[in-house]
């Protein structure tokens, strides 16, 4: 268990409520007390969810107050006096709403203030070459949540005819009260580590408007929650078994350098998958709590049964067996990716350049993660790989006349397996920059495997233009030939 907590939460800094002495338990488990407190903070969501269900008929203001008080207590329990920093950022948001309302000026202030505030937090609290869980962990959740709220309130004051369907679904007609704002910010099911959800979802949930009363099997959310927590426990067991054999530091051992190339890149990819399970554990716990209280409601299926995947953050099958890099984006950290598409990528449509919008969105996400060069390297490689993938699919369709989804089942299976294997190896390479963070460490690992994915990407882009020219000429000739006939 100590390995799980240490790998999940490499924590440092102050903690609160010292009279709740868990130092002996932390010592017994061989982990830091602050890390154990973070894990406890996630699991506290279950008794709080039960308490919320018992008070579900209370007024909206009572519910908001419950979320504020419980969230603040968890925050202080985990981060101690440093919890004041998240409090200040929420208060600053309320002050901005008071001064500027739902104007574009408020949106601009929200974007710059929360991004700079979080970045300063990263810069002043960085202490190692690993990802440390400090007050900046919930702050990075708040950063996105409060920027999104500013956009939603702005949309709510616009002409509905100018809004997209997604904007109409999430827009907010009135500026939140201070109690609503703080309740939304400190809601215990998403405060510490996500998932992201909109203010519109939150307020509909509190007002008993989110869940359709005609939906069947509403109480089955408790069963779904149990399944999700068992999934988390299964991942914990997997991590416990595999972690001793697949740790990032092994990439710097002499025994690793002596292995054949294929074994090295296989081990690198396995390290990526094993280490990233810590995120899956956190998401499963948080999503399970969301299911218990019901904020994860996602409409009804064709049989009228309630669905509870509205805040899902991870899709196992698509992540592991998907054929494309796009499948990774759509199956890992889903709520953050949806947020970036909604509030960054689509808001840049005035540029009339999807490529530039894509680059700026990934740049924002890199800054949001922190200042380490590894984040920027990984998102740059993600961008290049997705562009290459789209071009490959385009060439494939022009050559074969079929898209991936139109292929015969046998050929589609072959393409899927080939793509999944390639994705497994290339993502392992890409993710090392995210795990190792600093260039001096990343460089050693990348040099040892000869930068092989970057060579593939470079060769493709060098050849892509000539390939497209040749294909276009062939297609034009074929079209003229068919026209004459």
Protein backbone atom coordinates (compact mmCIF):
# COMPACT_ATOMS: atom_id res chain seq x y z
CA UNK A 1 0.00 0.00 0.00
CA UNK A 2 2.86 2.36 0.72
CA UNK A 3 4.02 2.12 -2.90
CA UNK A 4 0.60 3.18 -4.16
CA UNK A 5 0.43 6.24 -1.93
CA UNK A 6 4.01 7.26 -2.66
CA UNK A 7 3.53 6.89 -6.40
CA UNK A 8 0.13 8.59 -6.39
CA UNK A 9 1.02 11.39 -4.05
CA UNK A 10 4.58 12.53 -3.80
CA UNK A 11 3.50 15.14 -1.30
CA UNK A 12 5.15 17.80 0.75
CA UNK A 13 4.09 20.88 2.66
CA UNK A 14 1.79 21.57 5.57
CA UNK A 15 -1.27 19.63 6.67
CA UNK A 16 -4.22 20.63 8.82
CA UNK A 17 -6.03 19.32 11.90
CA UNK A 18 -2.89 17.99 13.55
CA UNK A 19 -4.97 16.61 16.42
CA UNK A 20 -6.15 13.99 13.90
CA UNK A 21 -2.93 12.07 14.24
CA UNK A 22 -2.37 9.70 11.35
CA UNK A 23 1.42 9.91 11.43
CA UNK A 24 1.68 6.45 13.00
CA UNK A 25 -0.50 4.96 10.27
CA UNK A 26 1.56 6.76 7.63
CA UNK A 27 4.75 5.48 9.26
CA UNK A 28 3.35 1.95 9.34
CA UNK A 29 2.51 2.17 5.64
CA UNK A 30 5.92 3.73 4.92
CA UNK A 31 4.54 6.83 3.27
CA UNK A 32 4.27 10.59 3.83
CA UNK A 33 1.44 11.78 6.07
CA UNK A 34 0.41 14.44 3.54
CA UNK A 35 0.03 11.81 0.81
CA UNK A 36 -2.12 9.63 3.04
CA UNK A 37 -4.29 12.64 3.88
CA UNK A 38 -4.90 13.26 0.19
CA UNK A 39 -6.08 9.68 -0.28
CA UNK A 40 -8.31 9.95 2.79
CA UNK A 41 -9.66 13.23 1.40
CA UNK A 42 -10.89 11.35 -1.66
CA UNK A 43 -12.54 8.57 0.36
CA UNK A 44 -14.22 11.06 2.71
CA UNK A 45 -16.45 11.76 -0.28
CA UNK A 46 -18.44 8.58 0.44
CA UNK A 47 -19.78 9.46 3.92
CA UNK A 48 -20.33 13.02 2.71
CA UNK A 49 -22.31 11.69 -0.25
CA UNK A 50 -24.51 9.66 2.10
CA UNK A 51 -25.06 12.76 4.23
CA UNK A 52 -26.02 14.72 1.12
CA UNK A 53 -28.57 12.08 0.12
CA UNK A 54 -30.14 12.31 3.59
CA UNK A 55 -30.49 16.09 3.19
CA UNK A 56 -31.51 16.02 -0.49
CA UNK A 57 -34.88 17.65 0.28
CA UNK A 58 -33.22 20.64 1.93
CA UNK A 59 -33.18 24.06 0.27
CA UNK A 60 -30.62 24.86 -2.42
CA UNK A 61 -28.79 27.31 -0.14
CA UNK A 62 -28.40 24.65 2.55
CA UNK A 63 -26.90 22.30 -0.05
CA UNK A 64 -24.52 24.98 -1.30
CA UNK A 65 -23.45 25.67 2.28
CA UNK A 66 -22.89 21.94 2.85
CA UNK A 67 -20.60 21.75 -0.19
CA UNK A 68 -18.71 24.87 0.90
CA UNK A 69 -18.14 23.72 4.49
CA UNK A 70 -17.25 20.12 3.60
CA UNK A 71 -14.95 21.21 0.77
CA UNK A 72 -13.14 23.75 2.94
CA UNK A 73 -12.67 21.19 5.73
CA UNK A 74 -11.26 18.59 3.32
CA UNK A 75 -9.01 21.24 1.80
CA UNK A 76 -7.65 22.25 5.20
CA UNK A 77 -7.30 18.63 6.34
CA UNK A 78 -5.12 17.83 3.33
CA UNK A 79 -3.20 21.06 2.72
CA UNK A 80 -3.32 22.94 6.03
CA UNK A 81 -2.70 26.67 5.91
CA UNK A 82 -1.90 26.45 2.19
CA UNK A 83 -5.60 25.83 1.59
CA UNK A 84 -6.07 29.59 1.78
CA UNK A 85 -4.68 29.95 -1.75
CA UNK A 86 -7.64 28.19 -3.37
CA UNK A 87 -9.97 30.27 -1.20
CA UNK A 88 -8.37 33.48 -2.44
CA UNK A 89 -8.76 32.48 -6.09
CA UNK A 90 -12.48 31.76 -5.67
CA UNK A 91 -12.96 35.05 -3.82
CA UNK A 92 -11.15 36.88 -6.64
CA UNK A 93 -13.55 35.27 -9.12
CA UNK A 94 -16.55 36.48 -7.13
CA UNK A 95 -15.05 39.98 -6.98
CA UNK A 96 -14.54 39.97 -10.76
CA UNK A 97 -18.18 38.96 -11.29
CA UNK A 98 -19.27 41.79 -8.99
CA UNK A 99 -17.25 44.35 -10.95
CA UNK A 100 -17.68 43.13 -14.54
CA UNK A 101 -20.65 40.75 -14.50
CA UNK A 102 -20.96 38.47 -17.50
CA UNK A 103 -18.94 40.65 -19.87
CA UNK A 104 -16.06 39.67 -22.10
CA UNK A 105 -13.81 41.66 -19.78
CA UNK A 106 -14.68 39.24 -16.98
CA UNK A 107 -13.77 36.33 -19.27
CA UNK A 108 -10.40 37.88 -20.14
CA UNK A 109 -9.66 38.58 -16.47
CA UNK A 110 -10.62 35.00 -15.54
CA UNK A 111 -8.33 33.49 -18.18
CA UNK A 112 -5.30 35.61 -17.32
CA UNK A 113 -5.80 35.69 -13.56
CA UNK A 114 -6.31 31.96 -13.02
CA UNK A 115 -3.59 30.93 -15.47
CA UNK A 116 -1.03 33.32 -13.95
CA UNK A 117 -2.15 32.53 -10.39
CA UNK A 118 -1.69 28.80 -10.98
CA UNK A 119 1.65 29.33 -12.76
CA UNK A 120 2.98 31.41 -9.86
CA UNK A 121 1.85 28.64 -7.55
CA UNK A 122 3.81 26.10 -9.58
CA UNK A 123 6.89 28.32 -9.66
CA UNK A 124 6.91 29.05 -5.92
CA UNK A 125 6.13 25.55 -4.71
CA UNK A 126 8.16 23.31 -7.05
CA UNK A 127 10.54 21.18 -5.03
CA UNK A 128 11.52 18.10 -7.02
CA UNK A 129 11.76 16.50 -10.44
CA UNK A 130 8.53 14.62 -9.77
CA UNK A 131 4.91 15.67 -9.76
CA UNK A 132 4.13 16.85 -6.22
CA UNK A 133 0.59 17.01 -4.87
CA UNK A 134 0.22 20.35 -3.13
CA UNK A 135 -2.45 23.05 -3.04
CA UNK A 136 -1.84 23.52 -6.76
CA UNK A 137 -3.50 20.14 -7.40
CA UNK A 138 -7.04 21.31 -6.57
CA UNK A 139 -6.12 24.76 -7.89
CA UNK A 140 -5.53 23.38 -11.38
CA UNK A 141 -9.07 21.95 -11.22
CA UNK A 142 -10.43 25.32 -10.06
CA UNK A 143 -8.50 27.12 -12.79
CA UNK A 144 -10.45 25.34 -15.52
CA UNK A 145 -13.73 25.30 -13.63
CA UNK A 146 -13.79 29.04 -12.99
CA UNK A 147 -12.60 30.02 -16.48
CA UNK A 148 -15.37 27.83 -17.87
CA UNK A 149 -17.90 29.51 -15.59
CA UNK A 150 -16.87 32.96 -16.86
CA UNK A 151 -17.46 31.80 -20.45
CA UNK A 152 -20.82 30.20 -19.58
CA UNK A 153 -22.13 33.37 -17.90
CA UNK A 154 -20.93 35.40 -20.89
CA UNK A 155 -22.78 33.03 -23.25
CA UNK A 156 -25.92 33.34 -21.15
CA UNK A 157 -26.09 37.06 -21.91
CA UNK A 158 -25.70 36.61 -25.68
CA UNK A 159 -28.37 36.22 -28.34
CA UNK A 160 -29.33 32.50 -28.27
CA UNK A 161 -29.33 32.43 -32.08
CA UNK A 162 -25.58 33.11 -32.09
CA UNK A 163 -24.80 30.20 -29.77
CA UNK A 164 -23.94 26.63 -30.71
CA UNK A 165 -25.98 23.76 -29.26
CA UNK A 166 -23.21 23.03 -26.78
CA UNK A 167 -23.14 26.67 -25.65
CA UNK A 168 -26.92 26.69 -25.23
CA UNK A 169 -26.66 23.56 -23.11
CA UNK A 170 -24.08 25.05 -20.74
CA UNK A 171 -24.83 28.79 -20.72
CA UNK A 172 -25.80 30.51 -17.46
CA UNK A 173 -28.39 33.30 -17.56
CA UNK A 174 -27.54 35.00 -14.26
CA UNK A 175 -24.34 35.68 -12.32
CA UNK A 176 -23.99 33.13 -9.49
CA UNK A 177 -24.39 34.32 -5.92
CA UNK A 178 -21.37 34.06 -3.65
CA UNK A 179 -22.84 30.95 -2.01
CA UNK A 180 -23.51 29.29 -5.36
CA UNK A 181 -20.02 30.15 -6.59
CA UNK A 182 -18.29 28.74 -3.53
CA UNK A 183 -20.52 25.65 -3.51
CA UNK A 184 -19.67 24.97 -7.14
CA UNK A 185 -15.96 25.49 -6.47
CA UNK A 186 -15.74 23.33 -3.34
CA UNK A 187 -18.16 20.52 -4.23
CA UNK A 188 -16.34 17.58 -2.63
CA UNK A 189 -16.94 15.15 -5.51
CA UNK A 190 -14.73 17.14 -7.88
CA UNK A 191 -12.68 19.60 -5.86
CA UNK A 192 -9.49 17.66 -5.11
CA UNK A 193 -8.81 15.99 -8.44
CA UNK A 194 -11.78 16.45 -10.74
CA UNK A 195 -13.70 15.46 -12.73
CA UNK A 196 -14.62 18.70 -14.45
CA UNK A 197 -18.31 19.50 -14.75
CA UNK A 198 -20.12 22.66 -15.75
CA UNK A 199 -21.88 25.09 -13.44
CA UNK A 200 -25.11 24.34 -15.32
CA UNK A 201 -24.82 20.65 -14.35
CA UNK A 202 -24.03 21.58 -10.75
CA UNK A 203 -26.91 24.03 -10.30
CA UNK A 204 -29.39 21.69 -12.02
CA UNK A 205 -28.28 18.93 -9.68
CA UNK A 206 -28.66 21.05 -6.54
CA UNK A 207 -32.10 22.25 -7.69
CA UNK A 208 -33.24 18.64 -8.28
CA UNK A 209 -33.58 19.29 -12.02
CA UNK A 210 -30.72 17.18 -13.40
CA UNK A 211 -32.15 13.67 -13.01
CA UNK A 212 -35.23 12.84 -15.08
CA UNK A 213 -37.95 11.63 -12.71
CA UNK A 214 -39.23 9.23 -15.38
CA UNK A 215 -35.88 7.48 -15.73
CA UNK A 216 -35.81 3.82 -14.72
CA UNK A 217 -33.28 2.16 -12.42
CA UNK A 218 -32.26 5.45 -10.79
CA UNK A 219 -31.13 3.60 -7.67
CA UNK A 220 -28.83 1.44 -9.81
CA UNK A 221 -26.33 4.27 -9.58
CA UNK A 222 -25.27 2.80 -6.24
CA UNK A 223 -24.46 -0.48 -7.98
CA UNK A 224 -22.58 1.39 -10.70
CA UNK A 225 -20.68 3.25 -7.99
CA UNK A 226 -19.69 -0.04 -6.35
CA UNK A 227 -18.51 -1.36 -9.71
CA UNK A 228 -16.42 1.76 -10.20
CA UNK A 229 -14.77 1.50 -6.79
CA UNK A 230 -14.04 -2.19 -7.43
CA UNK A 231 -12.42 -1.09 -10.68
CA UNK A 232 -10.27 1.31 -8.64
CA UNK A 233 -9.34 -1.49 -6.23
CA UNK A 234 -8.46 -3.75 -9.17
CA UNK A 235 -6.19 -1.07 -10.60
CA UNK A 236 -4.59 -0.66 -7.17
CA UNK A 237 -3.85 -4.40 -7.07
CA UNK A 238 -2.44 -4.24 -10.61
CA UNK A 239 -0.25 -1.29 -9.64
CA UNK A 240 0.93 -3.02 -6.47
CA UNK A 241 2.01 -6.08 -8.43
CA UNK A 242 3.59 -4.31 -11.40
CA UNK A 243 5.08 -1.17 -9.86
CA UNK A 244 8.20 -2.82 -8.35
CA UNK A 245 9.13 -4.08 -11.81
CA UNK A 246 8.29 -1.01 -13.89
CA UNK A 247 9.50 2.26 -12.42
CA UNK A 248 10.96 5.25 -14.30
CA UNK A 249 14.30 5.07 -12.48
CA UNK A 250 14.93 1.69 -14.11
CA UNK A 251 15.43 3.50 -17.41
CA UNK A 252 18.72 4.87 -16.06
CA UNK A 253 20.18 1.56 -14.88
CA UNK A 254 23.05 -0.04 -16.76
CA UNK A 255 21.11 -3.31 -17.07
CA UNK A 256 18.43 -1.48 -19.07
CA UNK A 257 20.96 -0.02 -21.53
CA UNK A 258 22.30 -3.50 -22.23
CA UNK A 259 18.96 -4.91 -23.33
CA UNK A 260 18.00 -5.31 -27.01
CA UNK A 261 16.21 -2.38 -28.61
CA UNK A 262 12.76 -4.02 -28.73
CA UNK A 263 12.97 -4.98 -25.06
CA UNK A 264 13.95 -1.42 -24.14
CA UNK A 265 11.02 0.23 -25.91
CA UNK A 266 8.65 -2.45 -24.60
CA UNK A 267 9.80 -1.84 -21.04
CA UNK A 268 9.48 1.91 -21.56
CA UNK A 269 5.87 1.52 -22.68
CA UNK A 270 5.03 -0.80 -19.80
CA UNK A 271 6.44 1.77 -17.38
CA UNK A 272 4.12 4.35 -18.92
CA UNK A 273 1.04 2.15 -18.54
CA UNK A 274 1.89 1.10 -14.98
CA UNK A 275 2.68 4.63 -13.77
CA UNK A 276 -0.36 6.22 -15.39
CA UNK A 277 -2.68 3.84 -13.53
CA UNK A 278 -2.36 6.19 -10.54
CA UNK A 279 -4.48 8.72 -12.42
CA UNK A 280 -7.04 6.03 -13.21
CA UNK A 281 -7.28 5.16 -9.50
CA UNK A 282 -8.05 8.77 -8.55
CA UNK A 283 -10.59 9.19 -11.35
CA UNK A 284 -12.41 5.96 -10.48
CA UNK A 285 -12.75 7.00 -6.83
CA UNK A 286 -13.98 10.49 -7.74
CA UNK A 287 -16.38 9.21 -10.38
CA UNK A 288 -17.75 6.66 -7.92
CA UNK A 289 -18.56 9.44 -5.44
CA UNK A 290 -20.23 11.43 -8.24
CA UNK A 291 -22.43 8.42 -8.98
CA UNK A 292 -23.48 8.06 -5.34
CA UNK A 293 -24.80 11.63 -5.07
CA UNK A 294 -26.15 11.56 -8.65
CA UNK A 295 -24.31 14.45 -10.30
CA UNK A 296 -22.98 12.03 -12.93
CA UNK A 297 -26.46 11.52 -14.45
CA UNK A 298 -26.27 11.46 -18.26
CA UNK A 299 -29.80 11.02 -19.52
CA UNK A 300 -31.50 7.75 -20.45
CA UNK A 301 -30.66 4.93 -22.83
CA UNK A 302 -33.07 3.60 -25.46
CA UNK A 303 -34.85 1.51 -22.79
CA UNK A 304 -35.40 4.49 -20.53
CA UNK A 305 -32.77 3.42 -18.00
CA UNK A 306 -30.74 6.13 -16.32
CA UNK A 307 -27.09 6.44 -17.38
CA UNK A 308 -24.45 7.52 -14.87
CA UNK A 309 -21.41 8.21 -17.04
CA UNK A 310 -21.87 11.98 -17.33
CA UNK A 311 -18.51 12.77 -15.73
CA UNK A 312 -16.58 9.74 -16.95
CA UNK A 313 -12.85 10.39 -17.15
CA UNK A 314 -11.46 7.11 -18.49
CA UNK A 315 -12.56 4.47 -21.03
CA UNK A 316 -10.48 1.33 -20.63
CA UNK A 317 -11.25 -0.45 -23.91
CA UNK A 318 -10.77 2.57 -26.11
CA UNK A 319 -7.59 3.55 -24.29
CA UNK A 320 -5.96 0.12 -24.58
CA UNK A 321 -7.39 -1.28 -27.80
CA UNK A 322 -8.12 1.85 -29.83
CA UNK A 323 -6.29 2.00 -33.15
CA UNK A 324 -5.54 5.72 -33.18
CA UNK A 325 -3.88 8.44 -31.12
CA UNK A 326 -7.22 10.24 -31.22
CA UNK A 327 -8.61 7.33 -29.17
CA UNK A 328 -6.18 8.24 -26.38
CA UNK A 329 -7.48 11.82 -26.35
CA UNK A 330 -11.09 10.59 -26.25
CA UNK A 331 -10.53 8.00 -23.50
CA UNK A 332 -7.98 9.48 -21.05
CA UNK A 333 -8.71 12.51 -18.84
CA UNK A 334 -11.92 12.92 -20.80
CA UNK A 335 -13.45 15.80 -18.84
CA UNK A 336 -10.34 17.96 -19.22
CA UNK A 337 -10.13 17.23 -22.94
CA UNK A 338 -13.81 18.12 -23.35
CA UNK A 339 -13.23 21.32 -21.39
CA UNK A 340 -10.27 22.36 -23.58
CA UNK A 341 -12.30 21.70 -26.72
CA UNK A 342 -15.28 23.69 -25.44
CA UNK A 343 -13.54 26.67 -23.86
CA UNK A 344 -10.25 27.00 -25.77
CA UNK A 345 -10.31 25.30 -29.18
CA UNK A 346 -13.82 26.35 -30.26
CA UNK A 347 -13.40 29.84 -28.79
CA UNK A 348 -10.49 30.36 -31.19
CA UNK A 349 -12.68 29.84 -34.25
CA UNK A 350 -12.35 33.56 -35.01
CA UNK A 351 -8.81 32.70 -36.18
CA UNK A 352 -10.34 30.58 -38.96
CA UNK A 353 -7.42 28.21 -38.69
CA UNK A 354 -7.96 24.85 -36.98
CA UNK A 355 -4.25 24.10 -36.97
CA UNK A 356 -3.42 27.29 -35.08
CA UNK A 357 -6.33 26.69 -32.70
CA UNK A 358 -5.05 23.18 -32.05
CA UNK A 359 -1.53 24.45 -31.31
CA UNK A 360 -2.74 27.17 -28.93
CA UNK A 361 -5.04 24.73 -27.12
CA UNK A 362 -2.19 22.30 -26.50
CA UNK A 363 0.08 25.17 -25.45
CA UNK A 364 -2.49 26.24 -22.86
CA UNK A 365 -2.74 22.67 -21.55
CA UNK A 366 1.05 22.47 -21.26
CA UNK A 367 1.15 25.72 -19.26
CA UNK A 368 -1.76 24.47 -17.17
CA UNK A 369 0.23 21.37 -16.22
CA UNK A 370 3.28 23.39 -15.20
CA UNK A 371 6.58 24.90 -16.35
CA UNK A 372 8.53 21.67 -16.84
CA UNK A 373 9.82 21.28 -20.38
CA UNK A 374 8.52 17.71 -20.42
CA UNK A 375 4.92 18.88 -20.61
CA UNK A 376 5.60 21.01 -23.69
CA UNK A 377 7.56 18.21 -25.37
CA UNK A 378 4.76 15.71 -24.83
CA UNK A 379 2.01 17.98 -26.15
CA UNK A 380 4.16 18.92 -29.15
CA UNK A 381 4.64 15.24 -29.99
CA UNK A 382 0.92 14.62 -29.45
CA UNK A 383 0.13 17.35 -31.96
CA UNK A 384 2.54 16.00 -34.57
CA UNK A 385 1.34 12.41 -34.14
CA UNK A 386 -2.34 13.35 -34.50
CA UNK A 387 -1.62 15.39 -37.65
CA UNK A 388 0.42 12.52 -39.08
CA UNK A 389 -2.35 10.06 -38.22
CA UNK A 390 -4.97 12.13 -40.02
CA UNK A 391 -2.78 12.38 -43.10
CA UNK A 392 -2.11 8.63 -43.07
CA UNK A 393 -5.87 7.96 -42.85
CA UNK A 394 -6.46 10.37 -45.73
CA UNK A 395 -3.86 8.63 -47.91
CA UNK A 396 -5.25 5.22 -46.94
CA UNK A 397 -8.77 6.23 -47.97
CA UNK A 398 -7.57 7.63 -51.30
CA UNK A 399 -5.63 4.46 -52.05
CA UNK A 400 -8.24 1.93 -50.91
CA UNK A 401 -11.43 3.90 -51.34
CA UNK A 402 -12.50 3.04 -47.79
CA UNK A 403 -12.32 4.80 -44.46
CA UNK A 404 -11.43 2.80 -41.34
CA UNK A 405 -15.07 2.31 -40.34
CA UNK A 406 -16.00 1.10 -43.84
CA UNK A 407 -13.38 -1.68 -43.92
CA UNK A 408 -14.37 -5.38 -43.93
CA UNK A 409 -14.28 -6.83 -40.42
CA UNK A 410 -11.14 -8.92 -40.99
CA UNK A 411 -9.11 -6.06 -42.48
CA UNK A 412 -10.48 -3.68 -39.87
CA UNK A 413 -9.28 -6.03 -37.11
CA UNK A 414 -5.80 -6.17 -38.64
CA UNK A 415 -5.64 -2.37 -38.87
CA UNK A 416 -6.93 -2.02 -35.30
CA UNK A 417 -4.35 -4.43 -33.86
CA UNK A 418 -1.54 -2.82 -35.85
CA UNK A 419 -2.62 0.65 -34.75
CA UNK A 420 -2.99 -0.39 -31.11
CA UNK A 421 0.51 -1.89 -31.06
CA UNK A 422 2.05 1.18 -32.71
CA UNK A 423 0.15 3.42 -30.30
CA UNK A 424 1.35 1.34 -27.35
CA UNK A 425 5.00 1.87 -28.27
CA UNK A 426 4.84 5.48 -29.43
CA UNK A 427 2.77 6.65 -26.46
CA UNK A 428 5.28 5.02 -24.14
CA UNK A 429 7.99 7.15 -25.74
CA UNK A 430 5.89 10.34 -25.65
CA UNK A 431 4.81 9.88 -22.03
CA UNK A 432 8.37 9.65 -20.75
CA UNK A 433 8.70 13.41 -21.15
CA UNK A 434 5.56 13.82 -19.01
CA UNK A 435 6.90 11.44 -16.35
CA UNK A 436 10.56 12.54 -16.27
CA UNK A 437 9.77 16.27 -16.71
CA UNK A 438 13.33 17.65 -16.94
CA UNK A 439 15.30 17.61 -20.20
CA UNK A 440 18.49 16.27 -18.65
CA UNK A 441 16.58 13.10 -17.72
CA UNK A 442 14.41 12.95 -20.83
CA UNK A 443 17.43 13.29 -23.11
CA UNK A 444 19.17 10.24 -21.63
CA UNK A 445 16.14 8.03 -22.16
CA UNK A 446 15.33 9.31 -25.65
CA UNK A 447 18.90 9.00 -26.87
CA UNK A 448 19.01 5.40 -25.70
CA UNK A 449 16.15 4.48 -28.05
CA UNK A 450 17.42 6.73 -30.85
CA UNK A 451 14.38 9.05 -30.86
CA UNK A 452 12.71 6.43 -33.03
CA UNK A 453 9.11 7.81 -33.08
CA UNK A 454 10.40 11.27 -33.99
CA UNK A 455 12.32 9.75 -36.90
CA UNK A 456 9.10 8.13 -38.15
CA UNK A 457 7.20 11.40 -37.80
CA UNK A 458 10.01 13.35 -39.50
CA UNK A 459 10.22 10.92 -42.42
CA UNK A 460 6.46 11.04 -42.86
CA UNK A 461 6.26 14.83 -42.98
CA UNK A 462 9.23 14.91 -45.37
CA UNK A 463 7.42 12.51 -47.69
CA UNK A 464 3.81 13.55 -47.10
CA UNK A 465 3.73 16.42 -49.59
CA UNK A 466 5.17 14.39 -52.51
CA UNK A 467 2.79 11.54 -51.67
CA UNK A 468 -0.23 13.83 -51.76
CA UNK A 469 0.92 15.33 -55.07
CA UNK A 470 1.30 11.89 -56.67
CA UNK A 471 -2.06 10.73 -55.32
CA UNK A 472 -3.84 13.85 -56.52
CA UNK A 473 -2.42 13.35 -60.04
CA UNK A 474 -3.48 9.68 -60.05
CA UNK A 475 -6.97 10.56 -58.86
CA UNK A 476 -7.33 13.35 -61.45
CA UNK A 477 -6.25 10.99 -64.25
CA UNK A 478 -8.68 8.33 -63.04
CA UNK A 479 -11.48 10.89 -62.84
CA UNK A 480 -10.80 12.12 -66.41
CA UNK A 481 -10.67 8.53 -67.67
CA UNK A 482 -14.01 7.67 -66.06
CA UNK A 483 -15.53 10.90 -67.40
CA UNK A 484 -14.52 10.04 -70.99
CA UNK A 485 -15.92 6.53 -70.67
